[in-house]
Amino acid sequence: MNLTMYLKMRKLHVFTLLVSFFMVSCKPVIFKNSEPKHKEALLEFPDFLLGKYIETKDKRDTLTIAKNSFEYKLLNEVQILSANKLELKQYKDYFLINIKGKGYWNVISFTYKKNKIFVYFIVVEKGKEEESIDEIKEIIPVNEILSNTGILDAYLIDPTEKELQELFAKAIFREVIVFKKLK
């Protein structure tokens, strides 16, 4: 898989614009499976999450969550929960949105606290790749995904339940955006 194809596929999915900022400056960490593996996908968002949210920093982006779908305004596209394509799972206080790619999953986590959604993503920053990957490698093996020309496209991980717990405990998922619920 090459980076161009990878980026095109990501454009079809939720939070693409959110993630694209990081894609320019870093390599993505992708997952072998929908996470957490030991949990069943939820068919609907919990009632307390339903509603419209606005991004707290610039107040330009909105997120609307319905029973079995959501819309990120920058994409102007409704995303519907669907088994083996777009799955929502819960792990402790976190919800994980799993977006199916070709042979991998993109995983975005979020929490809900005091009428706010905090979105987290594993970020490997340009210029700090070795440091970031070493931090992940302390928890779990990391495989490099190379393009046809041998250029690094992404990092692939396949955490056990315990390793996933450590990824959260050691704040490997970093906060990237916050949304506040509108009344």
N, C-alpha and C. Protein backbone atom coordinates (compact mmCIF):
# COMPACT_ATOMS: atom_id res chain seq x y z
N MET A 1 0.86 -1.16 0.00
CA MET A 1 0.00 0.00 0.00
C MET A 1 0.90 1.22 0.00
N ASN A 2 0.63 2.19 -0.89
CA ASN A 2 1.45 3.41 -0.89
C ASN A 2 0.71 4.53 -0.17
N LEU A 3 1.44 5.57 0.16
CA LEU A 3 0.89 6.66 0.96
C LEU A 3 -0.25 7.37 0.23
N THR A 4 -0.13 7.55 -1.08
CA THR A 4 -1.18 8.23 -1.84
C THR A 4 -2.49 7.46 -1.75
N MET A 5 -2.43 6.14 -1.94
CA MET A 5 -3.64 5.32 -1.84
C MET A 5 -4.19 5.36 -0.43
N TYR A 6 -3.30 5.30 0.55
CA TYR A 6 -3.71 5.35 1.94
C TYR A 6 -4.46 6.65 2.25
N LEU A 7 -3.92 7.77 1.80
CA LEU A 7 -4.55 9.06 2.06
C LEU A 7 -5.89 9.17 1.34
N LYS A 8 -6.01 8.64 0.13
CA LYS A 8 -7.29 8.68 -0.59
C LYS A 8 -8.36 7.90 0.17
N MET A 9 -7.98 6.74 0.69
CA MET A 9 -8.94 5.93 1.44
C MET A 9 -9.38 6.66 2.70
N ARG A 10 -8.45 7.32 3.35
CA ARG A 10 -8.79 8.04 4.58
C ARG A 10 -9.76 9.18 4.31
N LYS A 11 -9.72 9.77 3.12
CA LYS A 11 -10.60 10.88 2.80
C LYS A 11 -12.06 10.45 2.80
N LEU A 12 -12.28 9.17 2.68
CA LEU A 12 -13.64 8.65 2.67
C LEU A 12 -14.22 8.49 4.06
N HIS A 13 -13.40 8.65 5.06
CA HIS A 13 -13.82 8.31 6.41
C HIS A 13 -13.94 9.53 7.31
N VAL A 14 -14.62 9.27 8.43
CA VAL A 14 -14.83 10.29 9.44
C VAL A 14 -13.52 10.78 10.03
N PHE A 15 -13.52 12.02 10.42
CA PHE A 15 -12.39 12.68 11.04
C PHE A 15 -11.18 12.78 10.12
N THR A 16 -11.38 12.64 8.83
CA THR A 16 -10.26 12.71 7.90
C THR A 16 -9.57 14.05 7.97
N LEU A 17 -10.32 15.12 7.97
CA LEU A 17 -9.68 16.43 8.02
C LEU A 17 -8.99 16.65 9.35
N LEU A 18 -9.59 16.13 10.40
CA LEU A 18 -8.97 16.21 11.71
C LEU A 18 -7.62 15.50 11.69
N VAL A 19 -7.61 14.32 11.14
CA VAL A 19 -6.41 13.51 11.11
C VAL A 19 -5.42 14.00 10.07
N SER A 20 -5.90 14.60 8.99
CA SER A 20 -5.01 14.99 7.89
C SER A 20 -3.94 15.98 8.34
N PHE A 21 -4.25 16.82 9.32
CA PHE A 21 -3.24 17.72 9.86
C PHE A 21 -2.03 16.92 10.35
N PHE A 22 -2.33 15.82 11.04
CA PHE A 22 -1.25 15.00 11.57
C PHE A 22 -0.58 14.17 10.49
N MET A 23 -1.32 13.83 9.44
CA MET A 23 -0.76 13.02 8.36
C MET A 23 0.33 13.78 7.62
N VAL A 24 0.21 15.09 7.54
CA VAL A 24 1.21 15.89 6.85
C VAL A 24 2.51 15.89 7.64
N SER A 25 2.39 15.89 8.95
CA SER A 25 3.59 16.03 9.77
C SER A 25 4.02 14.75 10.47
N CYS A 26 3.33 13.64 10.24
CA CYS A 26 3.70 12.42 10.94
C CYS A 26 3.22 11.20 10.18
N LYS A 27 3.67 10.04 10.62
CA LYS A 27 3.24 8.77 10.04
C LYS A 27 2.15 8.19 10.94
N PRO A 28 1.10 7.64 10.33
CA PRO A 28 0.00 7.10 11.14
C PRO A 28 0.35 5.78 11.81
N VAL A 29 -0.28 5.54 12.96
CA VAL A 29 -0.22 4.25 13.62
C VAL A 29 -1.57 3.60 13.36
N ILE A 30 -1.54 2.46 12.68
CA ILE A 30 -2.76 1.74 12.33
C ILE A 30 -2.81 0.43 13.10
N PHE A 31 -3.99 -0.16 13.17
CA PHE A 31 -4.20 -1.35 13.98
C PHE A 31 -4.57 -2.54 13.09
N LYS A 32 -4.13 -3.72 13.49
CA LYS A 32 -4.45 -4.94 12.73
C LYS A 32 -5.93 -5.29 12.86
N ASN A 33 -6.53 -4.97 14.00
CA ASN A 33 -7.92 -5.33 14.28
C ASN A 33 -8.70 -4.14 14.81
N SER A 34 -10.00 -4.27 14.76
CA SER A 34 -10.89 -3.32 15.42
C SER A 34 -10.63 -3.44 16.92
N GLU A 35 -10.52 -2.32 17.60
CA GLU A 35 -10.16 -2.34 19.02
C GLU A 35 -11.28 -1.84 19.92
N PRO A 36 -11.37 -2.36 21.12
CA PRO A 36 -10.64 -3.51 21.62
C PRO A 36 -11.21 -4.80 21.03
N LYS A 37 -10.32 -5.73 20.73
CA LYS A 37 -10.69 -6.98 20.05
C LYS A 37 -11.71 -7.78 20.85
N HIS A 38 -11.60 -7.74 22.16
CA HIS A 38 -12.45 -8.56 23.03
C HIS A 38 -13.84 -7.96 23.27
N LYS A 39 -14.12 -6.81 22.69
CA LYS A 39 -15.42 -6.16 22.89
C LYS A 39 -16.26 -6.22 21.61
N GLU A 40 -17.55 -6.38 21.79
CA GLU A 40 -18.48 -6.34 20.67
C GLU A 40 -18.73 -4.88 20.27
N ALA A 41 -18.97 -4.66 19.01
CA ALA A 41 -19.29 -3.31 18.53
C ALA A 41 -20.66 -2.90 19.03
N LEU A 42 -20.78 -1.63 19.39
CA LEU A 42 -22.07 -1.07 19.79
C LEU A 42 -22.87 -0.75 18.53
N LEU A 43 -24.17 -0.98 18.57
CA LEU A 43 -25.02 -0.70 17.42
C LEU A 43 -25.47 0.75 17.38
N GLU A 44 -25.40 1.41 18.55
CA GLU A 44 -25.85 2.80 18.66
C GLU A 44 -24.95 3.56 19.63
N PHE A 45 -24.93 4.87 19.46
CA PHE A 45 -24.26 5.72 20.44
C PHE A 45 -25.13 5.81 21.68
N PRO A 46 -24.55 5.83 22.87
CA PRO A 46 -25.33 6.00 24.09
C PRO A 46 -26.09 7.34 24.07
N ASP A 47 -27.25 7.37 24.70
CA ASP A 47 -28.11 8.57 24.68
C ASP A 47 -27.39 9.83 25.15
N PHE A 48 -26.53 9.72 26.15
CA PHE A 48 -25.88 10.91 26.69
C PHE A 48 -24.93 11.57 25.68
N LEU A 49 -24.52 10.84 24.65
CA LEU A 49 -23.64 11.42 23.63
C LEU A 49 -24.40 12.13 22.51
N LEU A 50 -25.69 11.83 22.38
CA LEU A 50 -26.46 12.38 21.27
C LEU A 50 -26.55 13.89 21.36
N GLY A 51 -26.42 14.55 20.20
CA GLY A 51 -26.54 16.00 20.17
C GLY A 51 -25.54 16.62 19.22
N LYS A 52 -25.50 17.96 19.28
CA LYS A 52 -24.60 18.72 18.42
C LYS A 52 -23.51 19.34 19.27
N TYR A 53 -22.28 19.31 18.74
CA TYR A 53 -21.10 19.81 19.44
C TYR A 53 -20.36 20.80 18.56
N ILE A 54 -19.64 21.71 19.21
CA ILE A 54 -18.79 22.65 18.47
C ILE A 54 -17.36 22.52 18.98
N GLU A 55 -16.42 22.62 18.07
CA GLU A 55 -15.00 22.52 18.41
C GLU A 55 -14.65 23.73 19.28
N THR A 56 -13.93 23.50 20.36
CA THR A 56 -13.72 24.55 21.35
C THR A 56 -12.63 25.56 21.00
N LYS A 57 -11.69 25.21 20.17
CA LYS A 57 -10.58 26.12 19.88
C LYS A 57 -10.98 27.21 18.88
N ASP A 58 -11.35 26.82 17.67
CA ASP A 58 -11.70 27.79 16.63
C ASP A 58 -13.20 28.04 16.51
N LYS A 59 -14.00 27.14 17.09
CA LYS A 59 -15.46 27.23 17.04
C LYS A 59 -16.01 27.25 15.62
N ARG A 60 -15.30 26.57 14.69
CA ARG A 60 -15.75 26.50 13.29
C ARG A 60 -16.29 25.12 12.93
N ASP A 61 -15.76 24.10 13.56
CA ASP A 61 -16.14 22.74 13.22
C ASP A 61 -17.23 22.24 14.15
N THR A 62 -18.16 21.48 13.59
CA THR A 62 -19.21 20.90 14.41
C THR A 62 -19.23 19.39 14.23
N LEU A 63 -19.75 18.74 15.25
CA LEU A 63 -19.92 17.30 15.27
C LEU A 63 -21.34 17.04 15.74
N THR A 64 -22.10 16.27 14.96
CA THR A 64 -23.46 15.92 15.34
C THR A 64 -23.54 14.41 15.49
N ILE A 65 -24.01 13.96 16.66
CA ILE A 65 -24.12 12.52 16.92
C ILE A 65 -25.59 12.15 17.04
N ALA A 66 -26.01 11.19 16.22
CA ALA A 66 -27.36 10.63 16.27
C ALA A 66 -27.25 9.19 16.79
N LYS A 67 -28.36 8.49 16.87
CA LYS A 67 -28.37 7.13 17.43
C LYS A 67 -27.34 6.20 16.79
N ASN A 68 -27.34 6.13 15.46
CA ASN A 68 -26.42 5.18 14.81
C ASN A 68 -25.55 5.84 13.74
N SER A 69 -25.37 7.15 13.86
CA SER A 69 -24.54 7.86 12.88
C SER A 69 -23.98 9.13 13.50
N PHE A 70 -23.06 9.73 12.78
CA PHE A 70 -22.55 11.03 13.20
C PHE A 70 -22.07 11.77 11.97
N GLU A 71 -21.98 13.09 12.12
CA GLU A 71 -21.52 13.94 11.02
C GLU A 71 -20.51 14.92 11.56
N TYR A 72 -19.36 14.94 10.92
CA TYR A 72 -18.31 15.91 11.23
C TYR A 72 -18.44 16.97 10.15
N LYS A 73 -18.83 18.18 10.51
CA LYS A 73 -19.25 19.21 9.55
C LYS A 73 -18.21 19.50 8.46
N LEU A 74 -16.92 19.48 8.80
CA LEU A 74 -15.91 19.75 7.78
C LEU A 74 -16.01 18.77 6.62
N LEU A 75 -16.44 17.54 6.91
CA LEU A 75 -16.59 16.55 5.85
C LEU A 75 -17.93 16.67 5.15
N ASN A 76 -18.92 17.25 5.84
CA ASN A 76 -20.26 17.38 5.30
C ASN A 76 -20.78 16.03 4.81
N GLU A 77 -20.56 15.02 5.62
CA GLU A 77 -20.90 13.65 5.25
C GLU A 77 -21.33 12.90 6.50
N VAL A 78 -22.45 12.20 6.43
CA VAL A 78 -22.94 11.42 7.56
C VAL A 78 -22.25 10.05 7.54
N GLN A 79 -21.74 9.63 8.68
CA GLN A 79 -21.10 8.33 8.82
C GLN A 79 -22.03 7.43 9.63
N ILE A 80 -22.33 6.26 9.10
CA ILE A 80 -23.25 5.35 9.76
C ILE A 80 -22.47 4.17 10.32
N LEU A 81 -22.76 3.83 11.60
CA LEU A 81 -22.11 2.68 12.20
C LEU A 81 -22.47 1.44 11.40
N SER A 82 -21.47 0.63 11.09
CA SER A 82 -21.67 -0.53 10.25
C SER A 82 -20.63 -1.59 10.61
N ALA A 83 -21.09 -2.81 10.89
CA ALA A 83 -20.17 -3.88 11.25
C ALA A 83 -19.12 -4.08 10.16
N ASN A 84 -17.89 -4.28 10.59
CA ASN A 84 -16.76 -4.53 9.70
C ASN A 84 -16.42 -3.37 8.77
N LYS A 85 -16.93 -2.18 9.06
CA LYS A 85 -16.60 -1.00 8.26
C LYS A 85 -16.32 0.20 9.16
N LEU A 86 -17.29 0.51 9.99
CA LEU A 86 -17.17 1.63 10.92
C LEU A 86 -17.81 1.17 12.23
N GLU A 87 -16.97 0.87 13.20
CA GLU A 87 -17.46 0.29 14.45
C GLU A 87 -17.18 1.19 15.63
N LEU A 88 -18.11 1.19 16.57
CA LEU A 88 -17.96 1.91 17.82
C LEU A 88 -17.87 0.88 18.93
N LYS A 89 -16.82 0.98 19.73
CA LYS A 89 -16.65 0.09 20.86
C LYS A 89 -16.33 0.91 22.10
N GLN A 90 -16.62 0.33 23.26
CA GLN A 90 -16.32 1.03 24.50
C GLN A 90 -15.23 0.27 25.25
N TYR A 91 -14.30 1.03 25.82
CA TYR A 91 -13.25 0.46 26.65
C TYR A 91 -13.09 1.38 27.86
N LYS A 92 -13.55 0.91 29.00
CA LYS A 92 -13.56 1.71 30.22
C LYS A 92 -14.30 3.02 29.96
N ASP A 93 -13.63 4.17 30.19
CA ASP A 93 -14.28 5.46 29.96
C ASP A 93 -14.11 5.96 28.53
N TYR A 94 -13.48 5.17 27.68
CA TYR A 94 -13.21 5.58 26.31
C TYR A 94 -14.16 4.90 25.33
N PHE A 95 -14.50 5.65 24.30
CA PHE A 95 -15.18 5.07 23.14
C PHE A 95 -14.16 5.06 22.02
N LEU A 96 -14.14 3.99 21.23
CA LEU A 96 -13.20 3.88 20.13
C LEU A 96 -13.97 3.77 18.82
N ILE A 97 -13.69 4.67 17.92
CA ILE A 97 -14.25 4.60 16.57
C ILE A 97 -13.21 3.89 15.73
N ASN A 98 -13.60 2.76 15.18
CA ASN A 98 -12.73 1.93 14.35
C ASN A 98 -13.15 2.07 12.91
N ILE A 99 -12.24 2.54 12.07
CA ILE A 99 -12.53 2.79 10.66
C ILE A 99 -11.74 1.79 9.83
N LYS A 100 -12.45 0.95 9.08
CA LYS A 100 -11.81 -0.11 8.31
C LYS A 100 -11.08 0.44 7.11
N GLY A 101 -9.82 0.06 6.97
CA GLY A 101 -9.03 0.34 5.79
C GLY A 101 -8.80 -0.96 5.04
N LYS A 102 -7.85 -0.98 4.17
CA LYS A 102 -7.54 -2.19 3.41
C LYS A 102 -6.52 -3.01 4.19
N GLY A 103 -7.02 -3.95 4.98
CA GLY A 103 -6.14 -4.81 5.77
C GLY A 103 -5.73 -4.23 7.11
N TYR A 104 -6.34 -3.16 7.54
CA TYR A 104 -6.00 -2.52 8.81
C TYR A 104 -7.20 -1.71 9.30
N TRP A 105 -7.08 -1.16 10.50
CA TRP A 105 -8.10 -0.30 11.09
C TRP A 105 -7.44 0.99 11.59
N ASN A 106 -8.08 2.12 11.35
CA ASN A 106 -7.72 3.38 12.00
C ASN A 106 -8.55 3.44 13.27
N VAL A 107 -7.92 3.80 14.36
CA VAL A 107 -8.62 3.85 15.64
C VAL A 107 -8.50 5.24 16.23
N ILE A 108 -9.65 5.83 16.51
CA ILE A 108 -9.72 7.15 17.13
C ILE A 108 -10.51 6.97 18.42
N SER A 109 -9.98 7.44 19.51
CA SER A 109 -10.70 7.28 20.78
C SER A 109 -11.21 8.63 21.26
N PHE A 110 -12.24 8.55 22.10
CA PHE A 110 -12.75 9.79 22.70
C PHE A 110 -13.39 9.48 24.04
N THR A 111 -13.42 10.49 24.88
CA THR A 111 -14.11 10.41 26.16
C THR A 111 -15.13 11.54 26.22
N TYR A 112 -16.08 11.38 27.12
CA TYR A 112 -17.11 12.39 27.32
C TYR A 112 -17.06 12.80 28.79
N LYS A 113 -16.81 14.11 29.02
CA LYS A 113 -16.76 14.63 30.39
C LYS A 113 -17.35 16.03 30.41
N LYS A 114 -18.28 16.26 31.30
CA LYS A 114 -18.85 17.59 31.52
C LYS A 114 -19.27 18.26 30.21
N ASN A 115 -20.09 17.56 29.42
CA ASN A 115 -20.64 18.07 28.15
C ASN A 115 -19.57 18.34 27.09
N LYS A 116 -18.43 17.67 27.21
CA LYS A 116 -17.38 17.83 26.20
C LYS A 116 -16.92 16.46 25.72
N ILE A 117 -16.56 16.40 24.44
CA ILE A 117 -15.95 15.22 23.87
C ILE A 117 -14.49 15.54 23.61
N PHE A 118 -13.62 14.72 24.19
CA PHE A 118 -12.18 14.87 24.02
C PHE A 118 -11.72 13.76 23.07
N VAL A 119 -11.15 14.14 21.93
CA VAL A 119 -10.75 13.18 20.90
C VAL A 119 -9.25 12.92 21.01
N TYR A 120 -8.89 11.63 20.97
CA TYR A 120 -7.50 11.21 21.11
C TYR A 120 -7.08 10.36 19.91
N PHE A 121 -5.81 10.49 19.54
CA PHE A 121 -5.27 9.78 18.40
C PHE A 121 -3.80 9.48 18.70
N ILE A 122 -3.30 8.35 18.22
CA ILE A 122 -1.87 8.08 18.38
C ILE A 122 -1.12 8.89 17.34
N VAL A 123 -0.26 9.78 17.81
CA VAL A 123 0.45 10.70 16.93
C VAL A 123 1.95 10.41 16.97
N VAL A 124 2.52 10.24 15.79
CA VAL A 124 3.98 10.10 15.65
C VAL A 124 4.44 11.34 14.90
N GLU A 125 4.97 12.30 15.65
CA GLU A 125 5.33 13.59 15.06
C GLU A 125 6.60 13.53 14.23
N LYS A 126 6.58 14.28 13.14
CA LYS A 126 7.76 14.39 12.30
C LYS A 126 8.88 15.02 13.12
N GLY A 127 10.05 14.44 12.99
CA GLY A 127 11.19 14.92 13.76
C GLY A 127 11.32 14.24 15.11
N LYS A 128 10.25 13.56 15.55
CA LYS A 128 10.27 12.84 16.83
C LYS A 128 9.84 11.38 16.63
N GLU A 129 9.98 10.89 15.38
CA GLU A 129 9.51 9.55 15.06
C GLU A 129 10.13 8.49 15.96
N GLU A 130 11.46 8.50 16.07
CA GLU A 130 12.14 7.47 16.83
C GLU A 130 11.71 7.49 18.30
N GLU A 131 11.63 8.68 18.86
CA GLU A 131 11.21 8.84 20.26
C GLU A 131 9.78 8.33 20.45
N SER A 132 8.88 8.72 19.55
CA SER A 132 7.47 8.31 19.65
C SER A 132 7.31 6.81 19.49
N ILE A 133 7.98 6.24 18.50
CA ILE A 133 7.87 4.79 18.26
C ILE A 133 8.53 4.00 19.37
N ASP A 134 9.64 4.48 19.89
CA ASP A 134 10.28 3.79 21.03
C ASP A 134 9.35 3.75 22.23
N GLU A 135 8.60 4.82 22.43
CA GLU A 135 7.64 4.87 23.53
C GLU A 135 6.57 3.79 23.35
N ILE A 136 6.11 3.60 22.11
CA ILE A 136 5.11 2.57 21.82
C ILE A 136 5.75 1.18 21.93
N LYS A 137 6.99 1.04 21.45
CA LYS A 137 7.69 -0.25 21.48
C LYS A 137 7.96 -0.73 22.90
N GLU A 138 7.97 0.18 23.87
CA GLU A 138 8.11 -0.23 25.26
C GLU A 138 6.90 -1.05 25.71
N ILE A 139 5.79 -0.91 24.98
CA ILE A 139 4.54 -1.58 25.32
C ILE A 139 4.25 -2.74 24.38
N ILE A 140 4.51 -2.56 23.09
CA ILE A 140 4.03 -3.49 22.07
C ILE A 140 4.97 -3.50 20.86
N PRO A 141 5.10 -4.64 20.19
CA PRO A 141 5.88 -4.65 18.95
C PRO A 141 5.24 -3.75 17.89
N VAL A 142 6.06 -3.08 17.10
CA VAL A 142 5.59 -2.17 16.05
C VAL A 142 6.18 -2.64 14.72
N ASN A 143 5.31 -2.83 13.73
CA ASN A 143 5.75 -3.20 12.38
C ASN A 143 5.68 -1.99 11.47
N GLU A 144 6.67 -1.84 10.62
CA GLU A 144 6.67 -0.75 9.66
C GLU A 144 6.00 -1.21 8.37
N ILE A 145 5.10 -0.38 7.83
CA ILE A 145 4.44 -0.65 6.56
C ILE A 145 5.13 0.24 5.52
N LEU A 146 5.72 -0.39 4.53
CA LEU A 146 6.45 0.33 3.50
C LEU A 146 5.67 0.39 2.20
N SER A 147 5.89 1.46 1.45
CA SER A 147 5.28 1.59 0.12
C SER A 147 6.02 0.68 -0.86
N ASN A 148 5.53 0.59 -2.07
CA ASN A 148 6.18 -0.21 -3.12
C ASN A 148 7.59 0.26 -3.39
N THR A 149 7.87 1.52 -3.10
CA THR A 149 9.21 2.08 -3.34
C THR A 149 10.08 2.03 -2.09
N GLY A 150 9.58 1.41 -1.03
CA GLY A 150 10.37 1.26 0.18
C GLY A 150 10.29 2.41 1.16
N ILE A 151 9.38 3.35 0.92
CA ILE A 151 9.21 4.50 1.81
C ILE A 151 8.22 4.12 2.92
N LEU A 152 8.53 4.52 4.13
CA LEU A 152 7.66 4.23 5.27
C LEU A 152 6.32 4.93 5.11
N ASP A 153 5.23 4.15 5.14
CA ASP A 153 3.88 4.71 5.03
C ASP A 153 3.18 4.81 6.39
N ALA A 154 3.36 3.78 7.23
CA ALA A 154 2.63 3.73 8.50
C ALA A 154 3.29 2.74 9.43
N TYR A 155 2.82 2.75 10.68
CA TYR A 155 3.25 1.78 11.69
C TYR A 155 2.03 0.94 12.04
N LEU A 156 2.20 -0.38 12.12
CA LEU A 156 1.11 -1.30 12.40
C LEU A 156 1.31 -1.93 13.78
N ILE A 157 0.23 -1.91 14.58
CA ILE A 157 0.28 -2.56 15.90
C ILE A 157 -0.92 -3.47 16.05
N ASP A 158 -0.78 -4.45 16.95
CA ASP A 158 -1.85 -5.42 17.22
C ASP A 158 -1.86 -5.71 18.72
N PRO A 159 -2.38 -4.75 19.52
CA PRO A 159 -2.29 -4.90 20.97
C PRO A 159 -3.19 -5.98 21.56
N THR A 160 -2.66 -6.62 22.60
CA THR A 160 -3.49 -7.48 23.43
C THR A 160 -4.33 -6.54 24.32
N GLU A 161 -5.23 -7.11 25.09
CA GLU A 161 -6.05 -6.29 25.99
C GLU A 161 -5.16 -5.53 26.98
N LYS A 162 -4.16 -6.22 27.53
CA LYS A 162 -3.25 -5.59 28.49
C LYS A 162 -2.43 -4.48 27.82
N GLU A 163 -1.95 -4.71 26.60
CA GLU A 163 -1.16 -3.70 25.89
C GLU A 163 -2.02 -2.49 25.54
N LEU A 164 -3.27 -2.72 25.15
CA LEU A 164 -4.18 -1.60 24.87
C LEU A 164 -4.37 -0.76 26.13
N GLN A 165 -4.55 -1.44 27.25
CA GLN A 165 -4.68 -0.75 28.53
C GLN A 165 -3.45 0.11 28.81
N GLU A 166 -2.27 -0.41 28.51
CA GLU A 166 -1.03 0.36 28.73
C GLU A 166 -0.93 1.55 27.79
N LEU A 167 -1.39 1.39 26.54
CA LEU A 167 -1.37 2.52 25.60
C LEU A 167 -2.18 3.69 26.16
N PHE A 168 -3.31 3.37 26.78
CA PHE A 168 -4.12 4.43 27.40
C PHE A 168 -3.48 4.93 28.69
N ALA A 169 -2.99 4.03 29.52
CA ALA A 169 -2.41 4.42 30.81
C ALA A 169 -1.18 5.31 30.64
N LYS A 170 -0.41 5.08 29.60
CA LYS A 170 0.81 5.86 29.36
C LYS A 170 0.57 7.03 28.40
N ALA A 171 -0.70 7.34 28.15
CA ALA A 171 -1.10 8.49 27.33
C ALA A 171 -0.46 8.47 25.93
N ILE A 172 -0.41 7.29 25.34
CA ILE A 172 0.08 7.18 23.96
C ILE A 172 -0.95 7.78 23.00
N PHE A 173 -2.23 7.62 23.34
CA PHE A 173 -3.29 8.33 22.61
C PHE A 173 -3.25 9.77 23.10
N ARG A 174 -2.99 10.72 22.21
CA ARG A 174 -2.86 12.12 22.60
C ARG A 174 -4.10 12.91 22.20
N GLU A 175 -4.48 13.85 23.05
CA GLU A 175 -5.64 14.70 22.75
C GLU A 175 -5.35 15.56 21.53
N VAL A 176 -6.29 15.54 20.55
CA VAL A 176 -6.10 16.31 19.33
C VAL A 176 -7.18 17.36 19.10
N ILE A 177 -8.35 17.16 19.69
CA ILE A 177 -9.42 18.14 19.50
C ILE A 177 -10.45 17.95 20.62
N VAL A 178 -11.14 19.05 20.97
CA VAL A 178 -12.19 18.99 21.99
C VAL A 178 -13.44 19.63 21.40
N PHE A 179 -14.58 18.98 21.62
CA PHE A 179 -15.87 19.49 21.20
C PHE A 179 -16.74 19.74 22.43
N LYS A 180 -17.47 20.86 22.45
CA LYS A 180 -18.37 21.18 23.54
C LYS A 180 -19.81 21.02 23.04
N LYS A 181 -20.65 20.39 23.87
CA LYS A 181 -22.04 20.15 23.50
C LYS A 181 -22.82 21.46 23.51
N LEU A 182 -23.60 21.66 22.45
CA LEU A 182 -24.46 22.84 22.38
C LEU A 182 -25.78 22.53 23.06
N LYS A 183 -26.39 23.50 23.64
CA LYS A 183 -27.66 23.31 24.35
C LYS A 183 -28.81 23.13 23.39
